[in-house]
mmCIF file of all heavy atoms, coordinates in Angstrom:
data_MODEL
# 
_entry.id   MODEL 
# 
loop_
_atom_site.group_PDB 
_atom_site.id 
_atom_site.type_symbol 
_atom_site.label_atom_id 
_atom_site.label_alt_id 
_atom_site.label_comp_id 
_atom_site.label_asym_id 
_atom_site.label_entity_id 
_atom_site.label_seq_id 
_atom_site.pdbx_PDB_ins_code 
_atom_site.Cartn_x 
_atom_site.Cartn_y 
_atom_site.Cartn_z 
_atom_site.occupancy 
_atom_site.B_iso_or_equiv 
_atom_site.pdbx_formal_charge 
_atom_site.auth_seq_id 
_atom_site.auth_comp_id 
_atom_site.auth_asym_id 
_atom_site.auth_atom_id 
_atom_site.pdbx_PDB_model_num 
ATOM 1   N N   . ILE A 1 1  ? 11.147  -15.708 -11.304 1.00 0.00 ? 1  ILE A N   1 
ATOM 2   C CA  . ILE A 1 1  ? 10.832  -16.781 -10.252 1.00 0.00 ? 1  ILE A CA  1 
ATOM 3   C C   . ILE A 1 1  ? 9.534   -17.477 -10.719 1.00 0.00 ? 1  ILE A C   1 
ATOM 4   O O   . ILE A 1 1  ? 8.534   -16.777 -10.829 1.00 0.00 ? 1  ILE A O   1 
ATOM 5   C CB  . ILE A 1 1  ? 10.697  -16.205 -8.883  1.00 0.00 ? 1  ILE A CB  1 
ATOM 6   C CG1 . ILE A 1 1  ? 11.978  -15.337 -8.562  1.00 0.00 ? 1  ILE A CG1 1 
ATOM 7   C CG2 . ILE A 1 1  ? 10.480  -17.269 -7.815  1.00 0.00 ? 1  ILE A CG2 1 
ATOM 8   C CD1 . ILE A 1 1  ? 13.254  -16.077 -8.473  1.00 0.00 ? 1  ILE A CD1 1 
ATOM 9   N N   . VAL A 1 2  ? 9.540   -18.815 -10.792 1.00 0.00 ? 2  VAL A N   1 
ATOM 10  C CA  . VAL A 1 2  ? 8.320   -19.554 -11.073 1.00 0.00 ? 2  VAL A CA  1 
ATOM 11  C C   . VAL A 1 2  ? 7.813   -20.090 -9.657  1.00 0.00 ? 2  VAL A C   1 
ATOM 12  O O   . VAL A 1 2  ? 8.655   -20.695 -8.971  1.00 0.00 ? 2  VAL A O   1 
ATOM 13  C CB  . VAL A 1 2  ? 8.558   -20.638 -12.065 1.00 0.00 ? 2  VAL A CB  1 
ATOM 14  C CG1 . VAL A 1 2  ? 7.337   -21.524 -12.262 1.00 0.00 ? 2  VAL A CG1 1 
ATOM 15  C CG2 . VAL A 1 2  ? 9.088   -20.128 -13.409 1.00 0.00 ? 2  VAL A CG2 1 
ATOM 16  N N   . PHE A 1 3  ? 6.573   -19.786 -9.382  1.00 0.00 ? 3  PHE A N   1 
ATOM 17  C CA  . PHE A 1 3  ? 6.032   -20.246 -8.063  1.00 0.00 ? 3  PHE A CA  1 
ATOM 18  C C   . PHE A 1 3  ? 4.569   -20.607 -8.118  1.00 0.00 ? 3  PHE A C   1 
ATOM 19  O O   . PHE A 1 3  ? 3.885   -20.291 -9.132  1.00 0.00 ? 3  PHE A O   1 
ATOM 20  C CB  . PHE A 1 3  ? 6.291   -19.204 -6.981  1.00 0.00 ? 3  PHE A CB  1 
ATOM 21  C CG  . PHE A 1 3  ? 5.588   -17.903 -7.219  1.00 0.00 ? 3  PHE A CG  1 
ATOM 22  C CD1 . PHE A 1 3  ? 4.445   -17.601 -6.545  1.00 0.00 ? 3  PHE A CD1 1 
ATOM 23  C CD2 . PHE A 1 3  ? 6.104   -16.983 -8.075  1.00 0.00 ? 3  PHE A CD2 1 
ATOM 24  C CE1 . PHE A 1 3  ? 3.780   -16.347 -6.696  1.00 0.00 ? 3  PHE A CE1 1 
ATOM 25  C CE2 . PHE A 1 3  ? 5.517   -15.709 -8.276  1.00 0.00 ? 3  PHE A CE2 1 
ATOM 26  C CZ  . PHE A 1 3  ? 4.316   -15.453 -7.616  1.00 0.00 ? 3  PHE A CZ  1 
ATOM 27  N N   . GLU A 1 4  ? 4.076   -21.270 -7.090  1.00 0.00 ? 4  GLU A N   1 
ATOM 28  C CA  . GLU A 1 4  ? 2.732   -21.732 -7.004  1.00 0.00 ? 4  GLU A CA  1 
ATOM 29  C C   . GLU A 1 4  ? 2.054   -21.080 -5.829  1.00 0.00 ? 4  GLU A C   1 
ATOM 30  O O   . GLU A 1 4  ? 2.762   -20.468 -5.001  1.00 0.00 ? 4  GLU A O   1 
ATOM 31  C CB  . GLU A 1 4  ? 2.705   -23.242 -6.844  1.00 0.00 ? 4  GLU A CB  1 
ATOM 32  C CG  . GLU A 1 4  ? 3.279   -24.049 -7.908  1.00 0.00 ? 4  GLU A CG  1 
ATOM 33  C CD  . GLU A 1 4  ? 2.392   -24.098 -9.173  1.00 0.00 ? 4  GLU A CD  1 
ATOM 34  O OE1 . GLU A 1 4  ? 1.148   -24.034 -9.060  1.00 0.00 ? 4  GLU A OE1 1 
ATOM 35  O OE2 . GLU A 1 4  ? 2.942   -24.197 -10.236 1.00 0.00 ? 4  GLU A OE2 1 
ATOM 36  N N   . PRO A 1 5  ? 0.724   -21.079 -5.752  1.00 0.00 ? 5  PRO A N   1 
ATOM 37  C CA  . PRO A 1 5  ? 0.009   -20.434 -4.666  1.00 0.00 ? 5  PRO A CA  1 
ATOM 38  C C   . PRO A 1 5  ? 0.506   -20.875 -3.252  1.00 0.00 ? 5  PRO A C   1 
ATOM 39  O O   . PRO A 1 5  ? 0.662   -20.029 -2.335  1.00 0.00 ? 5  PRO A O   1 
ATOM 40  C CB  . PRO A 1 5  ? -1.471  -20.800 -4.834  1.00 0.00 ? 5  PRO A CB  1 
ATOM 41  C CG  . PRO A 1 5  ? -1.547  -21.057 -6.303  1.00 0.00 ? 5  PRO A CG  1 
ATOM 42  C CD  . PRO A 1 5  ? -0.200  -21.625 -6.750  1.00 0.00 ? 5  PRO A CD  1 
ATOM 43  N N   . GLU A 1 6  ? 0.914   -22.102 -3.141  1.00 0.00 ? 6  GLU A N   1 
ATOM 44  C CA  . GLU A 1 6  ? 1.350   -22.626 -1.783  1.00 0.00 ? 6  GLU A CA  1 
ATOM 45  C C   . GLU A 1 6  ? 2.713   -21.992 -1.366  1.00 0.00 ? 6  GLU A C   1 
ATOM 46  O O   . GLU A 1 6  ? 3.082   -22.115 -0.185  1.00 0.00 ? 6  GLU A O   1 
ATOM 47  C CB  . GLU A 1 6  ? 1.446   -24.123 -1.755  1.00 0.00 ? 6  GLU A CB  1 
ATOM 48  C CG  . GLU A 1 6  ? 2.378   -24.722 -2.706  1.00 0.00 ? 6  GLU A CG  1 
ATOM 49  C CD  . GLU A 1 6  ? 1.741   -25.150 -4.047  1.00 0.00 ? 6  GLU A CD  1 
ATOM 50  O OE1 . GLU A 1 6  ? 0.689   -24.664 -4.395  1.00 0.00 ? 6  GLU A OE1 1 
ATOM 51  O OE2 . GLU A 1 6  ? 2.318   -26.031 -4.735  1.00 0.00 ? 6  GLU A OE2 1 
ATOM 52  N N   . HIS A 1 7  ? 3.378   -21.302 -2.289  1.00 0.00 ? 7  HIS A N   1 
ATOM 53  C CA  . HIS A 1 7  ? 4.671   -20.717 -1.859  1.00 0.00 ? 7  HIS A CA  1 
ATOM 54  C C   . HIS A 1 7  ? 4.506   -19.260 -1.362  1.00 0.00 ? 7  HIS A C   1 
ATOM 55  O O   . HIS A 1 7  ? 5.462   -18.682 -0.866  1.00 0.00 ? 7  HIS A O   1 
ATOM 56  C CB  . HIS A 1 7  ? 5.538   -20.657 -3.093  1.00 0.00 ? 7  HIS A CB  1 
ATOM 57  C CG  . HIS A 1 7  ? 5.904   -22.061 -3.669  1.00 0.00 ? 7  HIS A CG  1 
ATOM 58  N ND1 . HIS A 1 7  ? 5.616   -22.422 -4.917  1.00 0.00 ? 7  HIS A ND1 1 
ATOM 59  C CD2 . HIS A 1 7  ? 6.379   -23.130 -3.029  1.00 0.00 ? 7  HIS A CD2 1 
ATOM 60  C CE1 . HIS A 1 7  ? 5.987   -23.656 -5.077  1.00 0.00 ? 7  HIS A CE1 1 
ATOM 61  N NE2 . HIS A 1 7  ? 6.439   -24.174 -3.967  1.00 0.00 ? 7  HIS A NE2 1 
ATOM 62  N N   . VAL A 1 8  ? 3.308   -18.721 -1.484  1.00 0.00 ? 8  VAL A N   1 
ATOM 63  C CA  . VAL A 1 8  ? 3.032   -17.324 -1.066  1.00 0.00 ? 8  VAL A CA  1 
ATOM 64  C C   . VAL A 1 8  ? 2.872   -17.262 0.461   1.00 0.00 ? 8  VAL A C   1 
ATOM 65  O O   . VAL A 1 8  ? 1.932   -17.747 1.032   1.00 0.00 ? 8  VAL A O   1 
ATOM 66  C CB  . VAL A 1 8  ? 1.786   -16.766 -1.831  1.00 0.00 ? 8  VAL A CB  1 
ATOM 67  C CG1 . VAL A 1 8  ? 1.527   -15.370 -1.386  1.00 0.00 ? 8  VAL A CG1 1 
ATOM 68  C CG2 . VAL A 1 8  ? 1.972   -16.844 -3.344  1.00 0.00 ? 8  VAL A CG2 1 
ATOM 69  N N   . ALA A 1 9  ? 3.775   -16.451 1.056   1.00 0.00 ? 9  ALA A N   1 
ATOM 70  C CA  . ALA A 1 9  ? 3.690   -16.227 2.476   1.00 0.00 ? 9  ALA A CA  1 
ATOM 71  C C   . ALA A 1 9  ? 2.949   -15.011 2.903   1.00 0.00 ? 9  ALA A C   1 
ATOM 72  O O   . ALA A 1 9  ? 2.390   -14.912 3.979   1.00 0.00 ? 9  ALA A O   1 
ATOM 73  C CB  . ALA A 1 9  ? 5.066   -16.235 3.097   1.00 0.00 ? 9  ALA A CB  1 
ATOM 74  N N   . ALA A 1 10 ? 2.901   -14.005 1.963   1.00 0.00 ? 10 ALA A N   1 
ATOM 75  C CA  . ALA A 1 10 ? 2.276   -12.732 2.261   1.00 0.00 ? 10 ALA A CA  1 
ATOM 76  C C   . ALA A 1 10 ? 1.949   -12.033 0.876   1.00 0.00 ? 10 ALA A C   1 
ATOM 77  O O   . ALA A 1 10 ? 2.623   -12.259 -0.072  1.00 0.00 ? 10 ALA A O   1 
ATOM 78  C CB  . ALA A 1 10 ? 3.116   -11.821 3.100   1.00 0.00 ? 10 ALA A CB  1 
ATOM 79  N N   . VAL A 1 11 ? 0.941   -11.261 0.918   1.00 0.00 ? 11 VAL A N   1 
ATOM 80  C CA  . VAL A 1 11 ? 0.515   -10.448 -0.220  1.00 0.00 ? 11 VAL A CA  1 
ATOM 81  C C   . VAL A 1 11 ? 0.537   -8.951  0.261   1.00 0.00 ? 11 VAL A C   1 
ATOM 82  O O   . VAL A 1 11 ? -0.047  -8.593  1.248   1.00 0.00 ? 11 VAL A O   1 
ATOM 83  C CB  . VAL A 1 11 ? -0.898  -10.789 -0.777  1.00 0.00 ? 11 VAL A CB  1 
ATOM 84  C CG1 . VAL A 1 11 ? -1.280  -9.923  -1.954  1.00 0.00 ? 11 VAL A CG1 1 
ATOM 85  C CG2 . VAL A 1 11 ? -0.895  -12.268 -1.172  1.00 0.00 ? 11 VAL A CG2 1 
ATOM 86  N N   . LEU A 1 12 ? 1.227   -8.147  -0.596  1.00 0.00 ? 12 LEU A N   1 
ATOM 87  C CA  . LEU A 1 12 ? 1.300   -6.702  -0.172  1.00 0.00 ? 12 LEU A CA  1 
ATOM 88  C C   . LEU A 1 12 ? -0.066  -6.072  -0.488  1.00 0.00 ? 12 LEU A C   1 
ATOM 89  O O   . LEU A 1 12 ? -0.600  -6.186  -1.586  1.00 0.00 ? 12 LEU A O   1 
ATOM 90  C CB  . LEU A 1 12 ? 2.341   -5.969  -0.984  1.00 0.00 ? 12 LEU A CB  1 
ATOM 91  C CG  . LEU A 1 12 ? 2.455   -4.495  -0.738  1.00 0.00 ? 12 LEU A CG  1 
ATOM 92  C CD1 . LEU A 1 12 ? 3.070   -4.214  0.617   1.00 0.00 ? 12 LEU A CD1 1 
ATOM 93  C CD2 . LEU A 1 12 ? 3.296   -3.826  -1.804  1.00 0.00 ? 12 LEU A CD2 1 
ATOM 94  N N   . ILE A 1 13 ? -0.661  -5.406  0.557   1.00 0.00 ? 13 ILE A N   1 
ATOM 95  C CA  . ILE A 1 13 ? -1.928  -4.662  0.271   1.00 0.00 ? 13 ILE A CA  1 
ATOM 96  C C   . ILE A 1 13 ? -1.557  -3.223  0.401   1.00 0.00 ? 13 ILE A C   1 
ATOM 97  O O   . ILE A 1 13 ? -1.155  -2.656  1.325   1.00 0.00 ? 13 ILE A O   1 
ATOM 98  C CB  . ILE A 1 13 ? -2.956  -5.059  1.403   1.00 0.00 ? 13 ILE A CB  1 
ATOM 99  C CG1 . ILE A 1 13 ? -3.233  -6.586  1.371   1.00 0.00 ? 13 ILE A CG1 1 
ATOM 100 C CG2 . ILE A 1 13 ? -4.212  -4.226  1.271   1.00 0.00 ? 13 ILE A CG2 1 
ATOM 101 C CD1 . ILE A 1 13 ? -4.148  -7.051  2.474   1.00 0.00 ? 13 ILE A CD1 1 
ATOM 102 N N   . ARG A 1 14 ? -1.706  -2.595  -0.809  1.00 0.00 ? 14 ARG A N   1 
ATOM 103 C CA  . ARG A 1 14 ? -1.427  -1.163  -0.955  1.00 0.00 ? 14 ARG A CA  1 
ATOM 104 C C   . ARG A 1 14 ? -2.379  -0.260  -0.279  1.00 0.00 ? 14 ARG A C   1 
ATOM 105 O O   . ARG A 1 14 ? -3.518  -0.681  -0.090  1.00 0.00 ? 14 ARG A O   1 
ATOM 106 C CB  . ARG A 1 14 ? -1.241  -0.923  -2.440  1.00 0.00 ? 14 ARG A CB  1 
ATOM 107 C CG  . ARG A 1 14 ? -0.178  -1.703  -3.133  1.00 0.00 ? 14 ARG A CG  1 
ATOM 108 C CD  . ARG A 1 14 ? -0.191  -1.442  -4.635  1.00 0.00 ? 14 ARG A CD  1 
ATOM 109 N NE  . ARG A 1 14 ? 0.656   -2.402  -5.357  1.00 0.00 ? 14 ARG A NE  1 
ATOM 110 C CZ  . ARG A 1 14 ? 2.032   -2.402  -5.447  1.00 0.00 ? 14 ARG A CZ  1 
ATOM 111 N NH1 . ARG A 1 14 ? 2.689   -1.472  -4.897  1.00 0.00 ? 14 ARG A NH1 1 
ATOM 112 N NH2 . ARG A 1 14 ? 2.659   -3.356  -6.101  1.00 0.00 ? 14 ARG A NH2 1 
ATOM 113 N N   . LYS A 1 15 ? -1.894  0.902   0.072   1.00 0.00 ? 15 LYS A N   1 
ATOM 114 C CA  . LYS A 1 15 ? -2.769  1.861   0.788   1.00 0.00 ? 15 LYS A CA  1 
ATOM 115 C C   . LYS A 1 15 ? -4.019  2.247   -0.085  1.00 0.00 ? 15 LYS A C   1 
ATOM 116 O O   . LYS A 1 15 ? -4.994  2.746   0.437   1.00 0.00 ? 15 LYS A O   1 
ATOM 117 C CB  . LYS A 1 15 ? -2.053  3.103   1.163   1.00 0.00 ? 15 LYS A CB  1 
ATOM 118 C CG  . LYS A 1 15 ? -1.064  2.829   2.369   1.00 0.00 ? 15 LYS A CG  1 
ATOM 119 C CD  . LYS A 1 15 ? -0.426  4.103   2.741   1.00 0.00 ? 15 LYS A CD  1 
ATOM 120 C CE  . LYS A 1 15 ? 0.558   3.864   3.879   1.00 0.00 ? 15 LYS A CE  1 
ATOM 121 N NZ  . LYS A 1 15 ? 1.264   5.040   4.292   1.00 0.00 ? 15 LYS A NZ  1 
ATOM 122 N N   . THR A 1 16 ? -3.906  2.083   -1.421  1.00 0.00 ? 16 THR A N   1 
ATOM 123 C CA  . THR A 1 16 ? -5.027  2.458   -2.301  1.00 0.00 ? 16 THR A CA  1 
ATOM 124 C C   . THR A 1 16 ? -6.031  1.305   -2.391  1.00 0.00 ? 16 THR A C   1 
ATOM 125 O O   . THR A 1 16 ? -7.033  1.472   -3.037  1.00 0.00 ? 16 THR A O   1 
ATOM 126 C CB  . THR A 1 16 ? -4.462  2.758   -3.709  1.00 0.00 ? 16 THR A CB  1 
ATOM 127 O OG1 . THR A 1 16 ? -3.729  1.579   -4.185  1.00 0.00 ? 16 THR A OG1 1 
ATOM 128 C CG2 . THR A 1 16 ? -3.589  3.979   -3.719  1.00 0.00 ? 16 THR A CG2 1 
ATOM 129 N N   . ASP A 1 17 ? -5.768  0.196   -1.706  1.00 0.00 ? 17 ASP A N   1 
ATOM 130 C CA  . ASP A 1 17 ? -6.679  -0.924  -1.615  1.00 0.00 ? 17 ASP A CA  1 
ATOM 131 C C   . ASP A 1 17 ? -7.651  -0.816  -0.457  1.00 0.00 ? 17 ASP A C   1 
ATOM 132 O O   . ASP A 1 17 ? -7.160  -0.623  0.635   1.00 0.00 ? 17 ASP A O   1 
ATOM 133 C CB  . ASP A 1 17 ? -5.907  -2.204  -1.581  1.00 0.00 ? 17 ASP A CB  1 
ATOM 134 C CG  . ASP A 1 17 ? -6.717  -3.463  -1.760  1.00 0.00 ? 17 ASP A CG  1 
ATOM 135 O OD1 . ASP A 1 17 ? -7.849  -3.573  -1.163  1.00 0.00 ? 17 ASP A OD1 1 
ATOM 136 O OD2 . ASP A 1 17 ? -6.210  -4.440  -2.371  1.00 0.00 ? 17 ASP A OD2 1 
ATOM 137 N N   . PRO A 1 18 ? -8.945  -0.971  -0.707  1.00 0.00 ? 18 PRO A N   1 
ATOM 138 C CA  . PRO A 1 18 ? -9.919  -0.832  0.401   1.00 0.00 ? 18 PRO A CA  1 
ATOM 139 C C   . PRO A 1 18 ? -9.716  -1.777  1.532   1.00 0.00 ? 18 PRO A C   1 
ATOM 140 O O   . PRO A 1 18 ? -10.146 -1.546  2.678   1.00 0.00 ? 18 PRO A O   1 
ATOM 141 C CB  . PRO A 1 18 ? -11.274 -1.087  -0.269  1.00 0.00 ? 18 PRO A CB  1 
ATOM 142 C CG  . PRO A 1 18 ? -11.060 -0.797  -1.717  1.00 0.00 ? 18 PRO A CG  1 
ATOM 143 C CD  . PRO A 1 18 ? -9.619  -1.113  -1.993  1.00 0.00 ? 18 PRO A CD  1 
ATOM 144 N N   . ARG A 1 19 ? -8.922  -2.850  1.302   1.00 0.00 ? 19 ARG A N   1 
ATOM 145 C CA  . ARG A 1 19 ? -8.588  -3.826  2.439   1.00 0.00 ? 19 ARG A CA  1 
ATOM 146 C C   . ARG A 1 19 ? -7.567  -3.236  3.339   1.00 0.00 ? 19 ARG A C   1 
ATOM 147 O O   . ARG A 1 19 ? -7.364  -3.849  4.418   1.00 0.00 ? 19 ARG A O   1 
ATOM 148 C CB  . ARG A 1 19 ? -8.143  -5.163  1.827   1.00 0.00 ? 19 ARG A CB  1 
ATOM 149 C CG  . ARG A 1 19 ? -9.245  -5.834  1.002   1.00 0.00 ? 19 ARG A CG  1 
ATOM 150 C CD  . ARG A 1 19 ? -8.609  -7.089  0.360   1.00 0.00 ? 19 ARG A CD  1 
ATOM 151 N NE  . ARG A 1 19 ? -7.612  -6.657  -0.569  1.00 0.00 ? 19 ARG A NE  1 
ATOM 152 C CZ  . ARG A 1 19 ? -6.652  -7.573  -1.060  1.00 0.00 ? 19 ARG A CZ  1 
ATOM 153 N NH1 . ARG A 1 19 ? -6.628  -8.787  -0.691  1.00 0.00 ? 19 ARG A NH1 1 
ATOM 154 N NH2 . ARG A 1 19 ? -5.735  -7.053  -1.895  1.00 0.00 ? 19 ARG A NH2 1 
ATOM 155 N N   . HIS A 1 20 ? -6.773  -2.270  2.944   1.00 0.00 ? 20 HIS A N   1 
ATOM 156 C CA  . HIS A 1 20 ? -5.714  -1.679  3.772   1.00 0.00 ? 20 HIS A CA  1 
ATOM 157 C C   . HIS A 1 20 ? -6.354  -1.009  4.972   1.00 0.00 ? 20 HIS A C   1 
ATOM 158 O O   . HIS A 1 20 ? -7.326  -0.286  4.874   1.00 0.00 ? 20 HIS A O   1 
ATOM 159 C CB  . HIS A 1 20 ? -4.876  -0.706  2.961   1.00 0.00 ? 20 HIS A CB  1 
ATOM 160 C CG  . HIS A 1 20 ? -3.566  -0.350  3.645   1.00 0.00 ? 20 HIS A CG  1 
ATOM 161 N ND1 . HIS A 1 20 ? -3.480  0.584   4.634   1.00 0.00 ? 20 HIS A ND1 1 
ATOM 162 C CD2 . HIS A 1 20 ? -2.363  -0.799  3.423   1.00 0.00 ? 20 HIS A CD2 1 
ATOM 163 C CE1 . HIS A 1 20 ? -2.316  0.682   5.050   1.00 0.00 ? 20 HIS A CE1 1 
ATOM 164 N NE2 . HIS A 1 20 ? -1.579  -0.130  4.333   1.00 0.00 ? 20 HIS A NE2 1 
ATOM 165 N N   . PRO A 1 21 ? -5.777  -1.224  6.194   1.00 0.00 ? 21 PRO A N   1 
ATOM 166 C CA  . PRO A 1 21 ? -6.326  -0.626  7.390   1.00 0.00 ? 21 PRO A CA  1 
ATOM 167 C C   . PRO A 1 21 ? -6.376  0.917   7.448   1.00 0.00 ? 21 PRO A C   1 
ATOM 168 O O   . PRO A 1 21 ? -7.124  1.532   8.063   1.00 0.00 ? 21 PRO A O   1 
ATOM 169 C CB  . PRO A 1 21 ? -5.470  -1.153  8.539   1.00 0.00 ? 21 PRO A CB  1 
ATOM 170 C CG  . PRO A 1 21 ? -4.286  -1.723  7.897   1.00 0.00 ? 21 PRO A CG  1 
ATOM 171 C CD  . PRO A 1 21 ? -4.636  -2.041  6.439   1.00 0.00 ? 21 PRO A CD  1 
ATOM 172 N N   . HIS A 1 22 ? -5.562  1.545   6.588   1.00 0.00 ? 22 HIS A N   1 
ATOM 173 C CA  . HIS A 1 22 ? -5.422  3.017   6.523   1.00 0.00 ? 22 HIS A CA  1 
ATOM 174 C C   . HIS A 1 22 ? -6.056  3.581   5.267   1.00 0.00 ? 22 HIS A C   1 
ATOM 175 O O   . HIS A 1 22 ? -5.853  4.760   4.909   1.00 0.00 ? 22 HIS A O   1 
ATOM 176 C CB  . HIS A 1 22 ? -3.991  3.483   6.683   1.00 0.00 ? 22 HIS A CB  1 
ATOM 177 C CG  . HIS A 1 22 ? -3.408  3.053   8.036   1.00 0.00 ? 22 HIS A CG  1 
ATOM 178 N ND1 . HIS A 1 22 ? -3.871  3.538   9.185   1.00 0.00 ? 22 HIS A ND1 1 
ATOM 179 C CD2 . HIS A 1 22 ? -2.445  2.233   8.278   1.00 0.00 ? 22 HIS A CD2 1 
ATOM 180 C CE1 . HIS A 1 22 ? -3.187  2.989   10.199  1.00 0.00 ? 22 HIS A CE1 1 
ATOM 181 N NE2 . HIS A 1 22 ? -2.271  2.143   9.656   1.00 0.00 ? 22 HIS A NE2 1 
ATOM 182 N N   . TYR A 1 23 ? -6.842  2.738   4.537   1.00 0.00 ? 23 TYR A N   1 
ATOM 183 C CA  . TYR A 1 23 ? -7.463  3.183   3.221   1.00 0.00 ? 23 TYR A CA  1 
ATOM 184 C C   . TYR A 1 23 ? -8.428  4.293   3.576   1.00 0.00 ? 23 TYR A C   1 
ATOM 185 O O   . TYR A 1 23 ? -9.264  4.231   4.516   1.00 0.00 ? 23 TYR A O   1 
ATOM 186 C CB  . TYR A 1 23 ? -8.147  2.053   2.617   1.00 0.00 ? 23 TYR A CB  1 
ATOM 187 C CG  . TYR A 1 23 ? -8.981  2.391   1.380   1.00 0.00 ? 23 TYR A CG  1 
ATOM 188 C CD1 . TYR A 1 23 ? -8.338  2.646   0.200   1.00 0.00 ? 23 TYR A CD1 1 
ATOM 189 C CD2 . TYR A 1 23 ? -10.359 2.486   1.484   1.00 0.00 ? 23 TYR A CD2 1 
ATOM 190 C CE1 . TYR A 1 23 ? -9.031  3.024   -0.907  1.00 0.00 ? 23 TYR A CE1 1 
ATOM 191 C CE2 . TYR A 1 23 ? -11.077 2.884   0.308   1.00 0.00 ? 23 TYR A CE2 1 
ATOM 192 C CZ  . TYR A 1 23 ? -10.357 3.101   -0.844  1.00 0.00 ? 23 TYR A CZ  1 
ATOM 193 O OH  . TYR A 1 23 ? -11.152 3.455   -1.966  1.00 0.00 ? 23 TYR A OH  1 
ATOM 194 N N   . ARG A 1 24 ? -8.394  5.440   2.845   1.00 0.00 ? 24 ARG A N   1 
ATOM 195 C CA  . ARG A 1 24 ? -9.314  6.481   3.042   1.00 0.00 ? 24 ARG A CA  1 
ATOM 196 C C   . ARG A 1 24 ? -10.126 6.752   1.727   1.00 0.00 ? 24 ARG A C   1 
ATOM 197 O O   . ARG A 1 24 ? -11.148 7.391   1.745   1.00 0.00 ? 24 ARG A O   1 
ATOM 198 C CB  . ARG A 1 24 ? -8.594  7.797   3.387   1.00 0.00 ? 24 ARG A CB  1 
ATOM 199 C CG  . ARG A 1 24 ? -7.955  7.641   4.780   1.00 0.00 ? 24 ARG A CG  1 
ATOM 200 C CD  . ARG A 1 24 ? -7.455  8.946   5.233   1.00 0.00 ? 24 ARG A CD  1 
ATOM 201 N NE  . ARG A 1 24 ? -6.763  9.673   4.181   1.00 0.00 ? 24 ARG A NE  1 
ATOM 202 C CZ  . ARG A 1 24 ? -5.940  10.662  4.366   1.00 0.00 ? 24 ARG A CZ  1 
ATOM 203 N NH1 . ARG A 1 24 ? -5.611  11.084  5.574   1.00 0.00 ? 24 ARG A NH1 1 
ATOM 204 N NH2 . ARG A 1 24 ? -5.325  11.247  3.370   1.00 0.00 ? 24 ARG A NH2 1 
ATOM 205 N N   . GLY A 1 25 ? -9.610  6.268   0.571   1.00 0.00 ? 25 GLY A N   1 
ATOM 206 C CA  . GLY A 1 25 ? -10.392 6.409   -0.593  1.00 0.00 ? 25 GLY A CA  1 
ATOM 207 C C   . GLY A 1 25 ? -10.415 7.825   -1.213  1.00 0.00 ? 25 GLY A C   1 
ATOM 208 O O   . GLY A 1 25 ? -11.093 8.074   -2.166  1.00 0.00 ? 25 GLY A O   1 
ATOM 209 N N   . ASP A 1 26 ? -9.604  8.714   -0.612  1.00 0.00 ? 26 ASP A N   1 
ATOM 210 C CA  . ASP A 1 26 ? -9.610  10.099  -1.100  1.00 0.00 ? 26 ASP A CA  1 
ATOM 211 C C   . ASP A 1 26 ? -8.300  10.495  -1.748  1.00 0.00 ? 26 ASP A C   1 
ATOM 212 O O   . ASP A 1 26 ? -8.184  11.636  -2.147  1.00 0.00 ? 26 ASP A O   1 
ATOM 213 C CB  . ASP A 1 26 ? -9.998  11.091  0.003   1.00 0.00 ? 26 ASP A CB  1 
ATOM 214 C CG  . ASP A 1 26 ? -8.990  10.985  1.157   1.00 0.00 ? 26 ASP A CG  1 
ATOM 215 O OD1 . ASP A 1 26 ? -8.165  10.107  1.209   1.00 0.00 ? 26 ASP A OD1 1 
ATOM 216 O OD2 . ASP A 1 26 ? -9.094  11.814  2.100   1.00 0.00 ? 26 ASP A OD2 1 
ATOM 217 N N   . GLY A 1 27 ? -7.312  9.615   -1.865  1.00 0.00 ? 27 GLY A N   1 
ATOM 218 C CA  . GLY A 1 27 ? -6.062  9.920   -2.446  1.00 0.00 ? 27 GLY A CA  1 
ATOM 219 C C   . GLY A 1 27 ? -6.075  9.712   -3.949  1.00 0.00 ? 27 GLY A C   1 
ATOM 220 O O   . GLY A 1 27 ? -6.938  9.044   -4.499  1.00 0.00 ? 27 GLY A O   1 
ATOM 221 N N   . PRO A 1 28 ? -5.107  10.293  -4.576  1.00 0.00 ? 28 PRO A N   1 
ATOM 222 C CA  . PRO A 1 28 ? -5.020  10.117  -6.086  1.00 0.00 ? 28 PRO A CA  1 
ATOM 223 C C   . PRO A 1 28 ? -4.638  8.641   -6.399  1.00 0.00 ? 28 PRO A C   1 
ATOM 224 O O   . PRO A 1 28 ? -3.966  7.977   -5.595  1.00 0.00 ? 28 PRO A O   1 
ATOM 225 C CB  . PRO A 1 28 ? -3.890  11.044  -6.479  1.00 0.00 ? 28 PRO A CB  1 
ATOM 226 C CG  . PRO A 1 28 ? -3.132  11.384  -5.309  1.00 0.00 ? 28 PRO A CG  1 
ATOM 227 C CD  . PRO A 1 28 ? -4.057  11.116  -4.118  1.00 0.00 ? 28 PRO A CD  1 
ATOM 228 N N   . PRO A 1 29 ? -5.178  8.150   -7.493  1.00 0.00 ? 29 PRO A N   1 
ATOM 229 C CA  . PRO A 1 29 ? -4.888  6.737   -7.821  1.00 0.00 ? 29 PRO A CA  1 
ATOM 230 C C   . PRO A 1 29 ? -3.384  6.468   -7.988  1.00 0.00 ? 29 PRO A C   1 
ATOM 231 O O   . PRO A 1 29 ? -2.699  7.374   -8.499  1.00 0.00 ? 29 PRO A O   1 
ATOM 232 C CB  . PRO A 1 29 ? -5.658  6.531   -9.250  1.00 0.00 ? 29 PRO A CB  1 
ATOM 233 C CG  . PRO A 1 29 ? -6.433  7.704   -9.446  1.00 0.00 ? 29 PRO A CG  1 
ATOM 234 C CD  . PRO A 1 29 ? -5.958  8.813   -8.502  1.00 0.00 ? 29 PRO A CD  1 
# 
């Protein structure tokens, strides 16, 4: 799929990302 930034409705934030609300920073990478 070819797309541009304006087509993005959401970005998945993984639990290993400090922006995730349940991020603890102590799990394995």
